[in-house]
C-alpha atoms as a PDB file:
ATOM      1  CA  UNK A   1     -16.729 126.905-122.080  1.00  0.00           C
ATOM      2  CA  UNK A   2     -19.663 125.786-124.198  1.00  0.00           C
ATOM      3  CA  UNK A   3     -19.451 126.153-127.950  1.00  0.00           C
ATOM      4  CA  UNK A   4     -21.972 126.114-130.763  1.00  0.00           C
ATOM      5  CA  UNK A   5     -21.667 125.160-134.388  1.00  0.00           C
ATOM      6  CA  UNK A   6     -22.912 127.866-136.728  1.00  0.00           C
ATOM      7  CA  UNK A   7     -22.785 128.996-140.322  1.00  0.00           C
ATOM      8  CA  UNK A   8     -22.234 132.641-141.133  1.00  0.00           C
ATOM      9  CA  UNK A   9     -23.696 133.599-144.501  1.00  0.00           C
ATOM     10  CA  UNK A  10     -21.876 136.520-146.095  1.00  0.00           C
ATOM     11  CA  UNK A  11     -22.716 138.593-149.175  1.00  0.00           C
ATOM     12  CA  UNK A  12     -19.932 140.825-150.525  1.00  0.00           C
ATOM     13  CA  UNK A  13     -21.267 143.593-152.756  1.00  0.00           C
ATOM     14  CA  UNK A  14     -18.117 145.747-152.974  1.00  0.00           C
ATOM     15  CA  UNK A  15     -14.889 144.149-154.153  1.00  0.00           C
ATOM     16  CA  UNK A  16     -12.799 146.621-152.142  1.00  0.00           C
ATOM     17  CA  UNK A  17     -14.271 145.085-148.945  1.00  0.00           C
ATOM     18  CA  UNK A  18     -12.632 141.689-149.550  1.00  0.00           C
ATOM     19  CA  UNK A  19      -9.267 142.559-147.960  1.00  0.00           C
ATOM     20  CA  UNK A  20     -10.923 143.787-144.747  1.00  0.00           C
ATOM     21  CA  UNK A  21     -13.221 140.724-144.676  1.00  0.00           C
ATOM     22  CA  UNK A  22     -10.260 138.362-145.032  1.00  0.00           C
ATOM     23  CA  UNK A  23      -8.454 140.219-142.238  1.00  0.00           C
ATOM     24  CA  UNK A  24     -11.414 139.764-139.875  1.00  0.00           C
ATOM     25  CA  UNK A  25     -11.746 136.086-140.789  1.00  0.00           C
ATOM     26  CA  UNK A  26      -8.031 135.614-140.125  1.00  0.00           C
ATOM     27  CA  UNK A  27      -8.479 137.082-136.609  1.00  0.00           C
ATOM     28  CA  UNK A  28     -10.987 134.308-135.861  1.00  0.00           C
ATOM     29  CA  UNK A  29      -9.282 131.513-137.812  1.00  0.00           C
ATOM     30  CA  UNK A  30      -8.923 129.247-134.761  1.00  0.00           C
ATOM     31  CA  UNK A  31     -12.739 128.946-134.641  1.00  0.00           C
ATOM     32  CA  UNK A  32     -13.311 128.422-138.362  1.00  0.00           C
ATOM     33  CA  UNK A  33     -14.069 124.868-139.489  1.00  0.00           C
ATOM     34  CA  UNK A  34     -14.152 125.778-143.174  1.00  0.00           C
ATOM     35  CA  UNK A  35     -15.384 128.262-145.724  1.00  0.00           C
ATOM     36  CA  UNK A  36     -16.796 128.221-149.221  1.00  0.00           C
ATOM     37  CA  UNK A  37     -17.020 131.151-151.586  1.00  0.00           C
ATOM     38  CA  UNK A  38     -18.975 131.432-154.793  1.00  0.00           C
ATOM     39  CA  UNK A  39     -18.587 134.382-157.152  1.00  0.00           C
ATOM     40  CA  UNK A  40     -21.945 135.314-158.665  1.00  0.00           C
ATOM     41  CA  UNK A  41     -20.719 137.237-161.681  1.00  0.00           C
ATOM     42  CA  UNK A  42     -24.184 137.901-163.117  1.00  0.00           C
ATOM     43  CA  UNK A  43     -24.950 140.098-160.083  1.00  0.00           C
ATOM     44  CA  UNK A  44     -21.374 141.202-159.390  1.00  0.00           C
ATOM     45  CA  UNK A  45     -21.350 139.807-155.846  1.00  0.00           C
ATOM     46  CA  UNK A  46     -19.616 137.061-153.879  1.00  0.00           C
ATOM     47  CA  UNK A  47     -21.490 134.631-151.639  1.00  0.00           C
ATOM     48  CA  UNK A  48     -19.486 133.105-148.800  1.00  0.00           C
ATOM     49  CA  UNK A  49     -20.426 130.622-146.090  1.00  0.00           C
ATOM     50  CA  UNK A  50     -18.182 130.171-143.069  1.00  0.00           C
ATOM     51  CA  UNK A  51     -18.694 127.223-140.698  1.00  0.00           C
ATOM     52  CA  UNK A  52     -17.543 127.903-137.136  1.00  0.00           C
ATOM     53  CA  UNK A  53     -17.406 126.110-133.781  1.00  0.00           C
ATOM     54  CA  UNK A  54     -17.104 128.734-131.046  1.00  0.00           C
ATOM     55  CA  UNK A  55     -18.758 130.208-127.963  1.00  0.00           C
ATOM     56  CA  UNK A  56     -21.928 132.142-128.759  1.00  0.00           C
ATOM     57  CA  UNK A  57     -20.345 135.511-127.949  1.00  0.00           C
ATOM     58  CA  UNK A  58     -17.440 134.856-130.337  1.00  0.00           C
ATOM     59  CA  UNK A  59     -19.800 133.927-133.180  1.00  0.00           C
ATOM     60  CA  UNK A  60     -21.874 137.015-132.492  1.00  0.00           C
ATOM     61  CA  UNK A  61     -18.784 139.251-132.414  1.00  0.00           C
ATOM     62  CA  UNK A  62     -17.448 137.781-135.664  1.00  0.00           C
ATOM     63  CA  UNK A  63     -20.776 138.144-137.448  1.00  0.00           C
ATOM     64  CA  UNK A  64     -21.128 141.715-136.145  1.00  0.00           C
ATOM     65  CA  UNK A  65     -17.628 142.732-137.258  1.00  0.00           C
ATOM     66  CA  UNK A  66     -18.258 141.316-140.713  1.00  0.00           C
ATOM     67  CA  UNK A  67     -21.640 143.024-140.974  1.00  0.00           C
ATOM     68  CA  UNK A  68     -20.112 146.413-140.140  1.00  0.00           C
ATOM     69  CA  UNK A  69     -17.755 146.271-143.140  1.00  0.00           C
ATOM     70  CA  UNK A  70     -19.021 148.630-145.830  1.00  0.00           C
ATOM     71  CA  UNK A  71     -20.380 146.617-148.754  1.00  0.00           C
ATOM     72  CA  UNK A  72     -20.749 143.370-146.772  1.00  0.00           C
ATOM     73  CA  UNK A  73     -23.814 141.726-145.197  1.00  0.00           C
ATOM     74  CA  UNK A  74     -23.688 138.820-142.742  1.00  0.00           C
ATOM     75  CA  UNK A  75     -26.118 136.613-140.847  1.00  0.00           C
ATOM     76  CA  UNK A  76     -25.415 133.690-138.506  1.00  0.00           C
ATOM     77  CA  UNK A  77     -27.478 130.503-138.255  1.00  0.00           C
ATOM     78  CA  UNK A  78     -26.836 128.457-135.102  1.00  0.00           C
ATOM     79  CA  UNK A  79     -27.171 124.725-134.519  1.00  0.00           C
ATOM     80  CA  UNK A  80     -29.017 123.510-131.452  1.00  0.00           C
ATOM     81  CA  UNK A  81     -26.039 121.329-130.494  1.00  0.00           C
ATOM     82  CA  UNK A  82     -23.918 122.604-127.607  1.00  0.00           C
ATOM     83  CA  UNK A  83     -20.445 121.187-127.046  1.00  0.00           C
ATOM     84  CA  UNK A  84     -17.342 121.766-125.004  1.00  0.00           C
ATOM     85  CA  UNK A  85     -14.595 124.162-126.014  1.00  0.00           C
ATOM     86  CA  UNK A  86     -12.107 122.363-128.265  1.00  0.00           C
ATOM     87  CA  UNK A  87      -9.718 125.212-129.014  1.00  0.00           C
END
């Protein structure tokens, strides 16, 4: 199956959403290359980027699940590079 490399940008506005977000990310951990989180205390939010290598439908499902968490926004940016499934 073909995979794509993408970055999912996540903004967490409600601290109580963090546990659910981490649970969803754990479900997809086999596709995650890495993640970086930055607390932005001035605004009271957290900014997270998650790099993934997965089939397009998996990336879309992950981004959608994250975006449906109350207090969380997510958007995926895809690379143009297509590769073979490595998982």
